[in-house]
Amino acid sequence: MKQEVFIENMACNGCAATVKERLEGIPSVDRVLIDLEEQKAVLETTEKIHDDVLKQSLEGTNYKVKH
């Protein structure tokens, strides 16, 4: 299943790499594709990831999940 997540403050390749690494650390996430222009991540998952889990994965960074 695919899930789009919009991320605040993601502006460069370094930002994208950090966000990708954090999101790939979520157990049911198989793959993460980052779109810097749209400031979003597209997750390929085995199940829907709840917003709380997404937010928690980015804790301690400057990036936040947009609603």
PDB file of N, CA and C in Angstrom:
ATOM      1  N   MET A   1       0.842  -1.164   0.000  1.00  0.00           N
ATOM      2  CA  MET A   1       0.000   0.000   0.000  1.00  0.00           C
ATOM      3  C   MET A   1       0.889   1.230   0.000  1.00  0.00           C
ATOM      4  N   LYS A   2       0.416   2.316  -0.621  1.00  0.00           N
ATOM      5  CA  LYS A   2       1.176   3.564  -0.656  1.00  0.00           C
ATOM      6  C   LYS A   2       0.490   4.591   0.240  1.00  0.00           C
ATOM      7  N   GLN A   3       1.328   5.373   0.912  1.00  0.00           N
ATOM      8  CA  GLN A   3       0.831   6.398   1.805  1.00  0.00           C
ATOM      9  C   GLN A   3       1.685   7.653   1.613  1.00  0.00           C
ATOM     10  N   GLU A   4       1.037   8.784   1.342  1.00  0.00           N
ATOM     11  CA  GLU A   4       1.754  10.048   1.176  1.00  0.00           C
ATOM     12  C   GLU A   4       1.778  10.795   2.499  1.00  0.00           C
ATOM     13  N   VAL A   5       2.948  11.348   2.807  1.00  0.00           N
ATOM     14  CA  VAL A   5       3.129  12.100   4.038  1.00  0.00           C
ATOM     15  C   VAL A   5       3.818  13.406   3.684  1.00  0.00           C
ATOM     16  N   PHE A   6       3.197  14.520   4.018  1.00  0.00           N
ATOM     17  CA  PHE A   6       3.813  15.821   3.763  1.00  0.00           C
ATOM     18  C   PHE A   6       4.647  16.207   4.978  1.00  0.00           C
ATOM     19  N   ILE A   7       5.852  16.707   4.709  1.00  0.00           N
ATOM     20  CA  ILE A   7       6.835  16.988   5.755  1.00  0.00           C
ATOM     21  C   ILE A   7       7.218  18.465   5.717  1.00  0.00           C
ATOM     22  N   GLU A   8       7.153  19.143   6.863  1.00  0.00           N
ATOM     23  CA  GLU A   8       7.586  20.540   6.964  1.00  0.00           C
ATOM     24  C   GLU A   8       9.098  20.615   7.129  1.00  0.00           C
ATOM     25  N   ASN A   9       9.699  21.675   6.582  1.00  0.00           N
ATOM     26  CA  ASN A   9      11.120  22.015   6.745  1.00  0.00           C
ATOM     27  C   ASN A   9      12.085  21.117   5.992  1.00  0.00           C
ATOM     28  N   MET A  10      11.618  20.339   5.044  1.00  0.00           N
ATOM     29  CA  MET A  10      12.493  19.472   4.264  1.00  0.00           C
ATOM     30  C   MET A  10      12.908  20.244   3.002  1.00  0.00           C
ATOM     31  N   ALA A  11      14.171  20.699   2.947  1.00  0.00           N
ATOM     32  CA  ALA A  11      14.563  21.606   1.880  1.00  0.00           C
ATOM     33  C   ALA A  11      15.760  21.163   1.041  1.00  0.00           C
ATOM     34  N   CYS A  12      16.525  20.160   1.482  1.00  0.00           N
ATOM     35  CA  CYS A  12      17.736  19.785   0.737  1.00  0.00           C
ATOM     36  C   CYS A  12      17.901  18.263   0.740  1.00  0.00           C
ATOM     37  N   ASN A  13      18.906  17.796   0.022  1.00  0.00           N
ATOM     38  CA  ASN A  13      19.145  16.347  -0.043  1.00  0.00           C
ATOM     39  C   ASN A  13      19.511  15.768   1.312  1.00  0.00           C
ATOM     40  N   GLY A  14      20.212  16.537   2.137  1.00  0.00           N
ATOM     41  CA  GLY A  14      20.535  16.074   3.483  1.00  0.00           C
ATOM     42  C   GLY A  14      19.276  15.894   4.319  1.00  0.00           C
ATOM     43  N   CYS A  15      18.351  16.850   4.178  1.00  0.00           N
ATOM     44  CA  CYS A  15      17.053  16.759   4.866  1.00  0.00           C
ATOM     45  C   CYS A  15      16.321  15.493   4.414  1.00  0.00           C
ATOM     46  N   ALA A  16      16.288  15.305   3.105  1.00  0.00           N
ATOM     47  CA  ALA A  16      15.593  14.155   2.530  1.00  0.00           C
ATOM     48  C   ALA A  16      16.185  12.847   3.037  1.00  0.00           C
ATOM     49  N   ALA A  17      17.504  12.777   3.132  1.00  0.00           N
ATOM     50  CA  ALA A  17      18.168  11.557   3.601  1.00  0.00           C
ATOM     51  C   ALA A  17      17.804  11.258   5.051  1.00  0.00           C
ATOM     52  N   THR A  18      17.755  12.297   5.875  1.00  0.00           N
ATOM     53  CA  THR A  18      17.397  12.107   7.286  1.00  0.00           C
ATOM     54  C   THR A  18      15.966  11.629   7.418  1.00  0.00           C
ATOM     55  N   VAL A  19      15.050  12.285   6.717  1.00  0.00           N
ATOM     56  CA  VAL A  19      13.634  11.904   6.775  1.00  0.00           C
ATOM     57  C   VAL A  19      13.458  10.478   6.265  1.00  0.00           C
ATOM     58  N   LYS A  20      14.099  10.154   5.157  1.00  0.00           N
ATOM     59  CA  LYS A  20      13.998   8.804   4.582  1.00  0.00           C
ATOM     60  C   LYS A  20      14.485   7.759   5.573  1.00  0.00           C
ATOM     61  N   GLU A  21      15.631   8.000   6.181  1.00  0.00           N
ATOM     62  CA  GLU A  21      16.191   7.043   7.143  1.00  0.00           C
ATOM     63  C   GLU A  21      15.251   6.842   8.330  1.00  0.00           C
ATOM     64  N   ARG A  22      14.712   7.938   8.849  1.00  0.00           N
ATOM     65  CA  ARG A  22      13.807   7.845   9.993  1.00  0.00           C
ATOM     66  C   ARG A  22      12.534   7.072   9.640  1.00  0.00           C
ATOM     67  N   LEU A  23      11.940   7.396   8.486  1.00  0.00           N
ATOM     68  CA  LEU A  23      10.697   6.729   8.092  1.00  0.00           C
ATOM     69  C   LEU A  23      10.922   5.262   7.759  1.00  0.00           C
ATOM     70  N   GLU A  24      12.083   4.942   7.183  1.00  0.00           N
ATOM     71  CA  GLU A  24      12.378   3.536   6.872  1.00  0.00           C
ATOM     72  C   GLU A  24      12.577   2.712   8.142  1.00  0.00           C
ATOM     73  N   GLY A  25      12.795   3.382   9.272  1.00  0.00           N
ATOM     74  CA  GLY A  25      12.943   2.681  10.543  1.00  0.00           C
ATOM     75  C   GLY A  25      11.627   2.196  11.136  1.00  0.00           C
ATOM     76  N   ILE A  26      10.508   2.616  10.560  1.00  0.00           N
ATOM     77  CA  ILE A  26       9.198   2.155  11.033  1.00  0.00           C
ATOM     78  C   ILE A  26       9.002   0.720  10.546  1.00  0.00           C
ATOM     79  N   PRO A  27       8.648  -0.205  11.448  1.00  0.00           N
ATOM     80  CA  PRO A  27       8.594  -1.637  11.102  1.00  0.00           C
ATOM     81  C   PRO A  27       7.818  -2.033   9.842  1.00  0.00           C
ATOM     82  N   SER A  28       6.663  -1.490   9.570  1.00  0.00           N
ATOM     83  CA  SER A  28       5.897  -1.956   8.407  1.00  0.00           C
ATOM     84  C   SER A  28       6.170  -1.149   7.133  1.00  0.00           C
ATOM     85  N   VAL A  29       7.196  -0.296   7.147  1.00  0.00           N
ATOM     86  CA  VAL A  29       7.569   0.474   5.959  1.00  0.00           C
ATOM     87  C   VAL A  29       8.606  -0.306   5.165  1.00  0.00           C
ATOM     88  N   ASP A  30       8.290  -0.564   3.893  1.00  0.00           N
ATOM     89  CA  ASP A  30       9.198  -1.308   3.016  1.00  0.00           C
ATOM     90  C   ASP A  30      10.131  -0.383   2.237  1.00  0.00           C
ATOM     91  N   ARG A  31       9.606   0.789   1.842  1.00  0.00           N
ATOM     92  CA  ARG A  31      10.380   1.691   0.993  1.00  0.00           C
ATOM     93  C   ARG A  31       9.862   3.117   1.161  1.00  0.00           C
ATOM     94  N   VAL A  32      10.756   4.085   1.045  1.00  0.00           N
ATOM     95  CA  VAL A  32      10.376   5.497   1.140  1.00  0.00           C
ATOM     96  C   VAL A  32      10.958   6.239  -0.055  1.00  0.00           C
ATOM     97  N   LEU A  33      10.111   6.963  -0.768  1.00  0.00           N
ATOM     98  CA  LEU A  33      10.539   7.828  -1.868  1.00  0.00           C
ATOM     99  C   LEU A  33      10.287   9.261  -1.434  1.00  0.00           C
ATOM    100  N   ILE A  34      11.292  10.114  -1.590  1.00  0.00           N
ATOM    101  CA  ILE A  34      11.190  11.508  -1.171  1.00  0.00           C
ATOM    102  C   ILE A  34      11.019  12.411  -2.385  1.00  0.00           C
ATOM    103  N   ASP A  35      10.080  13.349  -2.300  1.00  0.00           N
ATOM    104  CA  ASP A  35       9.871  14.373  -3.324  1.00  0.00           C
ATOM    105  C   ASP A  35      10.120  15.724  -2.648  1.00  0.00           C
ATOM    106  N   LEU A  36      11.326  16.262  -2.842  1.00  0.00           N
ATOM    107  CA  LEU A  36      11.683  17.535  -2.206  1.00  0.00           C
ATOM    108  C   LEU A  36      10.824  18.692  -2.690  1.00  0.00           C
ATOM    109  N   GLU A  37      10.537  18.723  -3.980  1.00  0.00           N
ATOM    110  CA  GLU A  37       9.750  19.827  -4.542  1.00  0.00           C
ATOM    111  C   GLU A  37       8.377  19.909  -3.888  1.00  0.00           C
ATOM    112  N   GLU A  38       7.757  18.769  -3.694  1.00  0.00           N
ATOM    113  CA  GLU A  38       6.423  18.713  -3.081  1.00  0.00           C
ATOM    114  C   GLU A  38       6.506  18.637  -1.553  1.00  0.00           C
ATOM    115  N   GLN A  39       7.705  18.492  -1.021  1.00  0.00           N
ATOM    116  CA  GLN A  39       7.944  18.298   0.412  1.00  0.00           C
ATOM    117  C   GLN A  39       7.087  17.155   0.958  1.00  0.00           C
ATOM    118  N   LYS A  40       7.236  16.000   0.303  1.00  0.00           N
ATOM    119  CA  LYS A  40       6.478  14.850   0.761  1.00  0.00           C
ATOM    120  C   LYS A  40       7.313  13.582   0.656  1.00  0.00           C
ATOM    121  N   ALA A  41       6.868  12.597   1.395  1.00  0.00           N
ATOM    122  CA  ALA A  41       7.440  11.259   1.331  1.00  0.00           C
ATOM    123  C   ALA A  41       6.321  10.321   0.909  1.00  0.00           C
ATOM    124  N   VAL A  42       6.643   9.385   0.037  1.00  0.00           N
ATOM    125  CA  VAL A  42       5.685   8.350  -0.343  1.00  0.00           C
ATOM    126  C   VAL A  42       6.196   7.051   0.255  1.00  0.00           C
ATOM    127  N   LEU A  43       5.399   6.493   1.150  1.00  0.00           N
ATOM    128  CA  LEU A  43       5.780   5.269   1.840  1.00  0.00           C
ATOM    129  C   LEU A  43       5.108   4.071   1.183  1.00  0.00           C
ATOM    130  N   GLU A  44       5.870   3.029   0.950  1.00  0.00           N
ATOM    131  CA  GLU A  44       5.309   1.749   0.532  1.00  0.00           C
ATOM    132  C   GLU A  44       5.300   0.894   1.791  1.00  0.00           C
ATOM    133  N   THR A  45       4.098   0.506   2.207  1.00  0.00           N
ATOM    134  CA  THR A  45       3.940  -0.161   3.498  1.00  0.00           C
ATOM    135  C   THR A  45       3.107  -1.424   3.396  1.00  0.00           C
ATOM    136  N   THR A  46       3.203  -2.240   4.431  1.00  0.00           N
ATOM    137  CA  THR A  46       2.357  -3.429   4.505  1.00  0.00           C
ATOM    138  C   THR A  46       1.030  -3.124   5.188  1.00  0.00           C
ATOM    139  N   GLU A  47       0.958  -1.976   5.879  1.00  0.00           N
ATOM    140  CA  GLU A  47      -0.284  -1.524   6.518  1.00  0.00           C
ATOM    141  C   GLU A  47      -0.220  -0.010   6.686  1.00  0.00           C
ATOM    142  N   LYS A  48      -1.364   0.618   6.919  1.00  0.00           N
ATOM    143  CA  LYS A  48      -1.401   2.073   7.111  1.00  0.00           C
ATOM    144  C   LYS A  48      -0.647   2.442   8.381  1.00  0.00           C
ATOM    145  N   ILE A  49       0.182   3.483   8.257  1.00  0.00           N
ATOM    146  CA  ILE A  49       0.946   3.977   9.391  1.00  0.00           C
ATOM    147  C   ILE A  49       0.178   5.164   9.978  1.00  0.00           C
ATOM    148  N   HIS A  50      -0.103   5.108  11.260  1.00  0.00           N
ATOM    149  CA  HIS A  50      -0.845   6.181  11.922  1.00  0.00           C
ATOM    150  C   HIS A  50       0.028   7.419  12.096  1.00  0.00           C
ATOM    151  N   ASP A  51      -0.606   8.584  12.100  1.00  0.00           N
ATOM    152  CA  ASP A  51       0.107   9.859  12.226  1.00  0.00           C
ATOM    153  C   ASP A  51       1.005   9.905  13.459  1.00  0.00           C
ATOM    154  N   ASP A  52       0.552   9.350  14.568  1.00  0.00           N
ATOM    155  CA  ASP A  52       1.353   9.369  15.798  1.00  0.00           C
ATOM    156  C   ASP A  52       2.689   8.660  15.598  1.00  0.00           C
ATOM    157  N   VAL A  53       2.679   7.563  14.873  1.00  0.00           N
ATOM    158  CA  VAL A  53       3.901   6.796  14.610  1.00  0.00           C
ATOM    159  C   VAL A  53       4.819   7.598  13.687  1.00  0.00           C
ATOM    160  N   LEU A  54       4.237   8.253  12.686  1.00  0.00           N
ATOM    161  CA  LEU A  54       5.022   9.076  11.766  1.00  0.00           C
ATOM    162  C   LEU A  54       5.675  10.234  12.516  1.00  0.00           C
ATOM    163  N   LYS A  55       4.899  10.913  13.350  1.00  0.00           N
ATOM    164  CA  LYS A  55       5.425  12.031  14.139  1.00  0.00           C
ATOM    165  C   LYS A  55       6.543  11.566  15.062  1.00  0.00           C
ATOM    166  N   GLN A  56       6.326  10.444  15.707  1.00  0.00           N
ATOM    167  CA  GLN A  56       7.325   9.916  16.646  1.00  0.00           C
ATOM    168  C   GLN A  56       8.628   9.580  15.930  1.00  0.00           C
ATOM    169  N   SER A  57       8.546   9.100  14.700  1.00  0.00           N
ATOM    170  CA  SER A  57       9.758   8.727  13.962  1.00  0.00           C
ATOM    171  C   SER A  57      10.622   9.946  13.642  1.00  0.00           C
ATOM    172  N   LEU A  58      10.015  11.137  13.608  1.00  0.00           N
ATOM    173  CA  LEU A  58      10.754  12.359  13.288  1.00  0.00           C
ATOM    174  C   LEU A  58      11.106  13.185  14.533  1.00  0.00           C
ATOM    175  N   GLU A  59      10.799  12.668  15.715  1.00  0.00           N
ATOM    176  CA  GLU A  59      11.123  13.375  16.947  1.00  0.00           C
ATOM    177  C   GLU A  59      12.621  13.616  17.036  1.00  0.00           C
ATOM    178  N   GLY A  60      13.003  14.790  17.539  1.00  0.00           N
ATOM    179  CA  GLY A  60      14.412  15.128  17.674  1.00  0.00           C
ATOM    180  C   GLY A  60      15.023  15.700  16.404  1.00  0.00           C
ATOM    181  N   THR A  61      14.211  15.898  15.378  1.00  0.00           N
ATOM    182  CA  THR A  61      14.677  16.520  14.134  1.00  0.00           C
ATOM    183  C   THR A  61      13.928  17.838  13.957  1.00  0.00           C
ATOM    184  N   ASN A  62      14.264  18.579  12.932  1.00  0.00           N
ATOM    185  CA  ASN A  62      13.551  19.823  12.617  1.00  0.00           C
ATOM    186  C   ASN A  62      12.358  19.585  11.696  1.00  0.00           C
ATOM    187  N   TYR A  63      12.046  18.335  11.402  1.00  0.00           N
ATOM    188  CA  TYR A  63      11.009  18.006  10.436  1.00  0.00           C
ATOM    189  C   TYR A  63       9.735  17.596  11.150  1.00  0.00           C
ATOM    190  N   LYS A  64       8.608  17.998  10.583  1.00  0.00           N
ATOM    191  CA  LYS A  64       7.311  17.680  11.184  1.00  0.00           C
ATOM    192  C   LYS A  64       6.357  17.211  10.107  1.00  0.00           C
ATOM    193  N   VAL A  65       5.462  16.312  10.502  1.00  0.00           N
ATOM    194  CA  VAL A  65       4.411  15.823   9.610  1.00  0.00           C
ATOM    195  C   VAL A  65       3.354  16.910   9.499  1.00  0.00           C
ATOM    196  N   LYS A  66       3.012  17.303   8.264  1.00  0.00           N
ATOM    197  CA  LYS A  66       1.950  18.291   8.016  1.00  0.00           C
ATOM    198  C   LYS A  66       0.612  17.573   7.975  1.00  0.00           C
ATOM    199  N   HIS A  67      -0.420  18.294   8.306  1.00  0.00           N
ATOM    200  CA  HIS A  67      -1.787  17.737   8.203  1.00  0.00           C
ATOM    201  C   HIS A  67      -2.551  18.451   7.143  1.00  0.00           C
TER     202      HIS A  67
END
